[in-house]
């Protein structure tokens, strides 16, 4: 069972695809602003960028036959009104994607992913990149060859998987041919 870990963003979204605990693909979807600002209102430009990001994520879900999503969701700690708006747009976008593709999802906060990656919720982006490159050395060269923005987004996506390792979707994915017990609410259920 393939899982997609996503560091969702408005400008760039990091994507890491795992199968049976192995990282099999890492990518970053980026959107660029339209150069001719006179022809497009800012709100329209935002919609075009969200559409492009949505197409990219949905395309990768289909291409890689993804069966579950692990998403680092923006938490709202932006430094400006524009950045806060971008976080809100990215959150709405990923919520809509999840609803449309009808895949199971687990949500994670940036603090959870940083703790999983570095053992410290205040770890810097550079620390997360370094730790994830060390944890997945086969992908280190690809990640380190990316621009800083892409490198950080991909490392954050990988760290989202790290945060999810002991939770339901990853456990189910890694043991899909075995019986897996999953705690759902207060009742114990067994999935085959």
C-alpha atoms as a PDB file:
ATOM      1  CA  UNK A   1       0.000   0.000   0.000  1.00  0.00           C
ATOM      2  CA  UNK A   2       1.474   3.323  -1.032  1.00  0.00           C
ATOM      3  CA  UNK A   3       1.221   6.377   1.176  1.00  0.00           C
ATOM      4  CA  UNK A   4       1.844   9.985   0.216  1.00  0.00           C
ATOM      5  CA  UNK A   5       3.270  12.327   2.835  1.00  0.00           C
ATOM      6  CA  UNK A   6       2.633  15.969   1.992  1.00  0.00           C
ATOM      7  CA  UNK A   7       4.013  19.226   3.336  1.00  0.00           C
ATOM      8  CA  UNK A   8       1.212  21.353   1.972  1.00  0.00           C
ATOM      9  CA  UNK A   9       1.862  24.935   0.960  1.00  0.00           C
ATOM     10  CA  UNK A  10       0.526  27.662  -1.260  1.00  0.00           C
ATOM     11  CA  UNK A  11       3.741  28.289  -3.216  1.00  0.00           C
ATOM     12  CA  UNK A  12       5.339  24.844  -2.884  1.00  0.00           C
ATOM     13  CA  UNK A  13       4.236  21.466  -1.560  1.00  0.00           C
ATOM     14  CA  UNK A  14       6.695  18.716  -0.750  1.00  0.00           C
ATOM     15  CA  UNK A  15       5.591  15.179  -1.567  1.00  0.00           C
ATOM     16  CA  UNK A  16       7.165  11.904  -0.418  1.00  0.00           C
ATOM     17  CA  UNK A  17       5.726   8.548  -1.477  1.00  0.00           C
ATOM     18  CA  UNK A  18       6.370   5.456   0.611  1.00  0.00           C
ATOM     19  CA  UNK A  19       5.656   1.797  -0.006  1.00  0.00           C
ATOM     20  CA  UNK A  20       6.078  -0.742   2.803  1.00  0.00           C
ATOM     21  CA  UNK A  21       8.229   1.727   4.728  1.00  0.00           C
ATOM     22  CA  UNK A  22      10.505   2.521   1.783  1.00  0.00           C
ATOM     23  CA  UNK A  23      10.761   5.971   0.239  1.00  0.00           C
ATOM     24  CA  UNK A  24      10.100   5.443  -3.486  1.00  0.00           C
ATOM     25  CA  UNK A  25       9.577   9.001  -4.772  1.00  0.00           C
ATOM     26  CA  UNK A  26      10.190  12.546  -3.585  1.00  0.00           C
ATOM     27  CA  UNK A  27       9.070  15.661  -5.404  1.00  0.00           C
ATOM     28  CA  UNK A  28       8.055  19.272  -4.928  1.00  0.00           C
ATOM     29  CA  UNK A  29       5.150  20.945  -6.678  1.00  0.00           C
ATOM     30  CA  UNK A  30       5.741  24.667  -7.149  1.00  0.00           C
ATOM     31  CA  UNK A  31       3.538  27.434  -8.442  1.00  0.00           C
ATOM     32  CA  UNK A  32       4.786  30.736  -9.782  1.00  0.00           C
ATOM     33  CA  UNK A  33       2.977  34.066  -9.788  1.00  0.00           C
ATOM     34  CA  UNK A  34       1.757  35.377 -13.111  1.00  0.00           C
ATOM     35  CA  UNK A  35       4.170  38.032 -14.411  1.00  0.00           C
ATOM     36  CA  UNK A  36       1.583  40.347 -15.997  1.00  0.00           C
ATOM     37  CA  UNK A  37      -0.188  41.545 -12.847  1.00  0.00           C
ATOM     38  CA  UNK A  38      -2.298  44.038 -14.783  1.00  0.00           C
ATOM     39  CA  UNK A  39      -4.161  41.238 -16.552  1.00  0.00           C
ATOM     40  CA  UNK A  40      -5.008  39.252 -13.393  1.00  0.00           C
ATOM     41  CA  UNK A  41      -6.431  40.317 -10.043  1.00  0.00           C
ATOM     42  CA  UNK A  42      -4.561  39.030  -6.990  1.00  0.00           C
ATOM     43  CA  UNK A  43      -7.519  36.861  -5.939  1.00  0.00           C
ATOM     44  CA  UNK A  44      -7.705  35.351  -9.433  1.00  0.00           C
ATOM     45  CA  UNK A  45      -3.967  34.655  -9.360  1.00  0.00           C
ATOM     46  CA  UNK A  46      -4.450  32.854  -6.025  1.00  0.00           C
ATOM     47  CA  UNK A  47      -7.146  30.668  -7.575  1.00  0.00           C
ATOM     48  CA  UNK A  48      -4.909  29.825 -10.549  1.00  0.00           C
ATOM     49  CA  UNK A  49      -2.072  28.829  -8.207  1.00  0.00           C
ATOM     50  CA  UNK A  50      -4.372  26.669  -6.063  1.00  0.00           C
ATOM     51  CA  UNK A  51      -5.673  24.987  -9.228  1.00  0.00           C
ATOM     52  CA  UNK A  52      -2.119  24.238 -10.379  1.00  0.00           C
ATOM     53  CA  UNK A  53      -1.147  22.848  -6.956  1.00  0.00           C
ATOM     54  CA  UNK A  54      -4.308  20.724  -6.826  1.00  0.00           C
ATOM     55  CA  UNK A  55      -3.637  19.299 -10.301  1.00  0.00           C
ATOM     56  CA  UNK A  56      -0.074  18.422  -9.300  1.00  0.00           C
ATOM     57  CA  UNK A  57      -1.055  16.625  -6.085  1.00  0.00           C
ATOM     58  CA  UNK A  58      -3.982  14.766  -7.671  1.00  0.00           C
ATOM     59  CA  UNK A  59      -1.773  13.758 -10.619  1.00  0.00           C
ATOM     60  CA  UNK A  60       0.840  12.212  -8.294  1.00  0.00           C
ATOM     61  CA  UNK A  61      -1.862  10.412  -6.286  1.00  0.00           C
ATOM     62  CA  UNK A  62      -3.063   8.741  -9.503  1.00  0.00           C
ATOM     63  CA  UNK A  63       0.354   8.152 -11.052  1.00  0.00           C
ATOM     64  CA  UNK A  64       1.688   6.399  -7.942  1.00  0.00           C
ATOM     65  CA  UNK A  65      -1.590   4.636  -7.014  1.00  0.00           C
ATOM     66  CA  UNK A  66      -1.553   6.209  -3.547  1.00  0.00           C
ATOM     67  CA  UNK A  67      -3.927   4.629  -0.998  1.00  0.00           C
ATOM     68  CA  UNK A  68      -3.538   6.985   1.981  1.00  0.00           C
ATOM     69  CA  UNK A  69      -2.365  10.502   2.819  1.00  0.00           C
ATOM     70  CA  UNK A  70      -0.210  11.819   5.655  1.00  0.00           C
ATOM     71  CA  UNK A  71      -0.474  15.601   5.707  1.00  0.00           C
ATOM     72  CA  UNK A  72       1.457  18.267   7.582  1.00  0.00           C
ATOM     73  CA  UNK A  73      -1.142  20.986   7.791  1.00  0.00           C
ATOM     74  CA  UNK A  74      -0.218  24.658   8.230  1.00  0.00           C
ATOM     75  CA  UNK A  75      -0.833  25.745  11.805  1.00  0.00           C
ATOM     76  CA  UNK A  76      -1.435  29.455  11.309  1.00  0.00           C
ATOM     77  CA  UNK A  77       1.714  30.938  12.819  1.00  0.00           C
ATOM     78  CA  UNK A  78       2.365  33.294   9.907  1.00  0.00           C
ATOM     79  CA  UNK A  79       4.153  36.618  10.278  1.00  0.00           C
ATOM     80  CA  UNK A  80       1.929  38.639   7.925  1.00  0.00           C
ATOM     81  CA  UNK A  81      -1.649  38.847   6.734  1.00  0.00           C
ATOM     82  CA  UNK A  82      -0.664  37.667   3.249  1.00  0.00           C
ATOM     83  CA  UNK A  83       1.187  34.638   4.661  1.00  0.00           C
ATOM     84  CA  UNK A  84      -1.789  33.832   6.896  1.00  0.00           C
ATOM     85  CA  UNK A  85      -4.083  34.007   3.860  1.00  0.00           C
ATOM     86  CA  UNK A  86      -1.765  31.655   1.930  1.00  0.00           C
ATOM     87  CA  UNK A  87      -1.849  29.150   4.821  1.00  0.00           C
ATOM     88  CA  UNK A  88      -5.634  29.312   4.866  1.00  0.00           C
ATOM     89  CA  UNK A  89      -5.810  28.747   1.111  1.00  0.00           C
ATOM     90  CA  UNK A  90      -3.407  25.784   1.337  1.00  0.00           C
ATOM     91  CA  UNK A  91      -5.415  24.244   4.190  1.00  0.00           C
ATOM     92  CA  UNK A  92      -8.657  24.609   2.247  1.00  0.00           C
ATOM     93  CA  UNK A  93      -7.026  23.167  -0.853  1.00  0.00           C
ATOM     94  CA  UNK A  94      -5.748  20.023   0.856  1.00  0.00           C
ATOM     95  CA  UNK A  95      -9.070  19.562   2.653  1.00  0.00           C
ATOM     96  CA  UNK A  96     -10.865  19.689  -0.699  1.00  0.00           C
ATOM     97  CA  UNK A  97      -8.394  17.289  -2.308  1.00  0.00           C
ATOM     98  CA  UNK A  98      -8.862  14.781   0.514  1.00  0.00           C
ATOM     99  CA  UNK A  99     -12.631  15.007   0.148  1.00  0.00           C
ATOM    100  CA  UNK A 100     -12.509  14.523  -3.625  1.00  0.00           C
ATOM    101  CA  UNK A 101     -10.029  11.629  -3.785  1.00  0.00           C
ATOM    102  CA  UNK A 102     -11.764   9.775  -0.918  1.00  0.00           C
ATOM    103  CA  UNK A 103      -8.541   8.450   0.616  1.00  0.00           C
ATOM    104  CA  UNK A 104      -7.890   7.935   4.323  1.00  0.00           C
ATOM    105  CA  UNK A 105      -5.847  10.766   5.828  1.00  0.00           C
ATOM    106  CA  UNK A 106      -3.929  11.517   8.995  1.00  0.00           C
ATOM    107  CA  UNK A 107      -3.128  15.123   9.899  1.00  0.00           C
ATOM    108  CA  UNK A 108       0.054  16.325  11.598  1.00  0.00           C
ATOM    109  CA  UNK A 109       1.230  19.668  12.940  1.00  0.00           C
ATOM    110  CA  UNK A 110       4.693  21.054  12.132  1.00  0.00           C
ATOM    111  CA  UNK A 111       5.757  20.583  15.773  1.00  0.00           C
ATOM    112  CA  UNK A 112       4.972  16.853  15.526  1.00  0.00           C
ATOM    113  CA  UNK A 113       6.979  16.449  12.336  1.00  0.00           C
ATOM    114  CA  UNK A 114       9.989  18.360  13.703  1.00  0.00           C
ATOM    115  CA  UNK A 115       9.984  16.264  16.878  1.00  0.00           C
ATOM    116  CA  UNK A 116       9.844  13.086  14.760  1.00  0.00           C
ATOM    117  CA  UNK A 117      12.676  14.306  12.526  1.00  0.00           C
ATOM    118  CA  UNK A 118      15.001  15.926  15.056  1.00  0.00           C
ATOM    119  CA  UNK A 119      13.642  15.268  18.539  1.00  0.00           C
ATOM    120  CA  UNK A 120      13.083  19.005  18.946  1.00  0.00           C
ATOM    121  CA  UNK A 121       9.945  20.976  18.080  1.00  0.00           C
ATOM    122  CA  UNK A 122      12.048  24.103  17.489  1.00  0.00           C
ATOM    123  CA  UNK A 123      14.412  22.466  14.989  1.00  0.00           C
ATOM    124  CA  UNK A 124      15.329  24.658  12.040  1.00  0.00           C
ATOM    125  CA  UNK A 125      14.477  23.826   8.440  1.00  0.00           C
ATOM    126  CA  UNK A 126      18.172  23.119   7.816  1.00  0.00           C
ATOM    127  CA  UNK A 127      18.248  20.628  10.698  1.00  0.00           C
ATOM    128  CA  UNK A 128      15.194  18.815   9.303  1.00  0.00           C
ATOM    129  CA  UNK A 129      16.802  18.661   5.835  1.00  0.00           C
ATOM    130  CA  UNK A 130      20.031  17.276   7.298  1.00  0.00           C
ATOM    131  CA  UNK A 131      18.297  14.665   9.465  1.00  0.00           C
ATOM    132  CA  UNK A 132      16.003  13.451   6.687  1.00  0.00           C
ATOM    133  CA  UNK A 133      18.946  13.261   4.250  1.00  0.00           C
ATOM    134  CA  UNK A 134      20.789  11.118   6.801  1.00  0.00           C
ATOM    135  CA  UNK A 135      17.725   8.939   7.440  1.00  0.00           C
ATOM    136  CA  UNK A 136      17.177   8.339   3.703  1.00  0.00           C
ATOM    137  CA  UNK A 137      20.688   8.356   2.197  1.00  0.00           C
ATOM    138  CA  UNK A 138      19.516   6.908  -1.139  1.00  0.00           C
ATOM    139  CA  UNK A 139      17.523  10.109  -1.660  1.00  0.00           C
ATOM    140  CA  UNK A 140      19.993  12.546  -0.134  1.00  0.00           C
ATOM    141  CA  UNK A 141      21.659  13.520  -3.421  1.00  0.00           C
ATOM    142  CA  UNK A 142      18.307  14.227  -5.102  1.00  0.00           C
ATOM    143  CA  UNK A 143      17.055  16.287  -2.171  1.00  0.00           C
ATOM    144  CA  UNK A 144      20.289  18.249  -1.793  1.00  0.00           C
ATOM    145  CA  UNK A 145      20.333  19.078  -5.534  1.00  0.00           C
ATOM    146  CA  UNK A 146      17.031  20.958  -5.215  1.00  0.00           C
ATOM    147  CA  UNK A 147      16.598  24.649  -4.512  1.00  0.00           C
ATOM    148  CA  UNK A 148      16.394  25.524  -0.824  1.00  0.00           C
ATOM    149  CA  UNK A 149      12.590  25.953  -0.923  1.00  0.00           C
ATOM    150  CA  UNK A 150      12.060  22.590  -2.625  1.00  0.00           C
ATOM    151  CA  UNK A 151      14.614  20.875  -0.368  1.00  0.00           C
ATOM    152  CA  UNK A 152      12.832  22.135   2.750  1.00  0.00           C
ATOM    153  CA  UNK A 153       9.379  21.150   1.456  1.00  0.00           C
ATOM    154  CA  UNK A 154      10.546  17.628   0.567  1.00  0.00           C
ATOM    155  CA  UNK A 155      12.327  17.165   3.902  1.00  0.00           C
ATOM    156  CA  UNK A 156       9.160  18.315   5.691  1.00  0.00           C
ATOM    157  CA  UNK A 157       7.116  15.773   3.705  1.00  0.00           C
ATOM    158  CA  UNK A 158       9.524  13.003   4.703  1.00  0.00           C
ATOM    159  CA  UNK A 159       9.399  14.140   8.329  1.00  0.00           C
ATOM    160  CA  UNK A 160       5.602  13.917   8.151  1.00  0.00           C
ATOM    161  CA  UNK A 161       6.000  10.219   7.363  1.00  0.00           C
ATOM    162  CA  UNK A 162       8.405   9.942  10.300  1.00  0.00           C
ATOM    163  CA  UNK A 163       5.742  11.454  12.578  1.00  0.00           C
ATOM    164  CA  UNK A 164       3.211   8.938  11.272  1.00  0.00           C
ATOM    165  CA  UNK A 165       5.357   5.811  11.666  1.00  0.00           C
ATOM    166  CA  UNK A 166       3.579   4.487  14.754  1.00  0.00           C
ATOM    167  CA  UNK A 167       0.083   5.455  13.685  1.00  0.00           C
ATOM    168  CA  UNK A 168      -2.664   3.601  11.885  1.00  0.00           C
ATOM    169  CA  UNK A 169      -2.046   4.233   8.172  1.00  0.00           C
ATOM    170  CA  UNK A 170       1.677   3.457   8.255  1.00  0.00           C
ATOM    171  CA  UNK A 171       1.164   0.376  10.418  1.00  0.00           C
ATOM    172  CA  UNK A 172      -1.570  -0.813   8.067  1.00  0.00           C
ATOM    173  CA  UNK A 173       0.549  -0.029   4.994  1.00  0.00           C
ATOM    174  CA  UNK A 174       3.584  -1.900   6.319  1.00  0.00           C
ATOM    175  CA  UNK A 175       1.512  -4.940   7.281  1.00  0.00           C
ATOM    176  CA  UNK A 176      -1.177  -5.055   4.626  1.00  0.00           C
ATOM    177  CA  UNK A 177      -0.906  -8.831   4.198  1.00  0.00           C
ATOM    178  CA  UNK A 178      -1.148  -9.479   7.939  1.00  0.00           C
ATOM    179  CA  UNK A 179      -3.854  -8.824  10.496  1.00  0.00           C
ATOM    180  CA  UNK A 180      -3.352  -5.396  12.000  1.00  0.00           C
ATOM    181  CA  UNK A 181      -5.103  -4.177  15.112  1.00  0.00           C
ATOM    182  CA  UNK A 182      -6.021  -0.524  15.047  1.00  0.00           C
ATOM    183  CA  UNK A 183      -7.460   1.424  17.950  1.00  0.00           C
ATOM    184  CA  UNK A 184     -10.553   3.251  16.695  1.00  0.00           C
ATOM    185  CA  UNK A 185     -12.176   5.470  19.310  1.00  0.00           C
ATOM    186  CA  UNK A 186     -12.672   3.339  22.439  1.00  0.00           C
ATOM    187  CA  UNK A 187     -13.259   0.029  20.597  1.00  0.00           C
ATOM    188  CA  UNK A 188     -10.654  -2.398  19.320  1.00  0.00           C
ATOM    189  CA  UNK A 189     -11.241  -3.342  15.672  1.00  0.00           C
ATOM    190  CA  UNK A 190      -9.321  -5.877  13.573  1.00  0.00           C
ATOM    191  CA  UNK A 191      -8.696  -5.194   9.914  1.00  0.00           C
ATOM    192  CA  UNK A 192      -7.585  -7.789   7.402  1.00  0.00           C
END
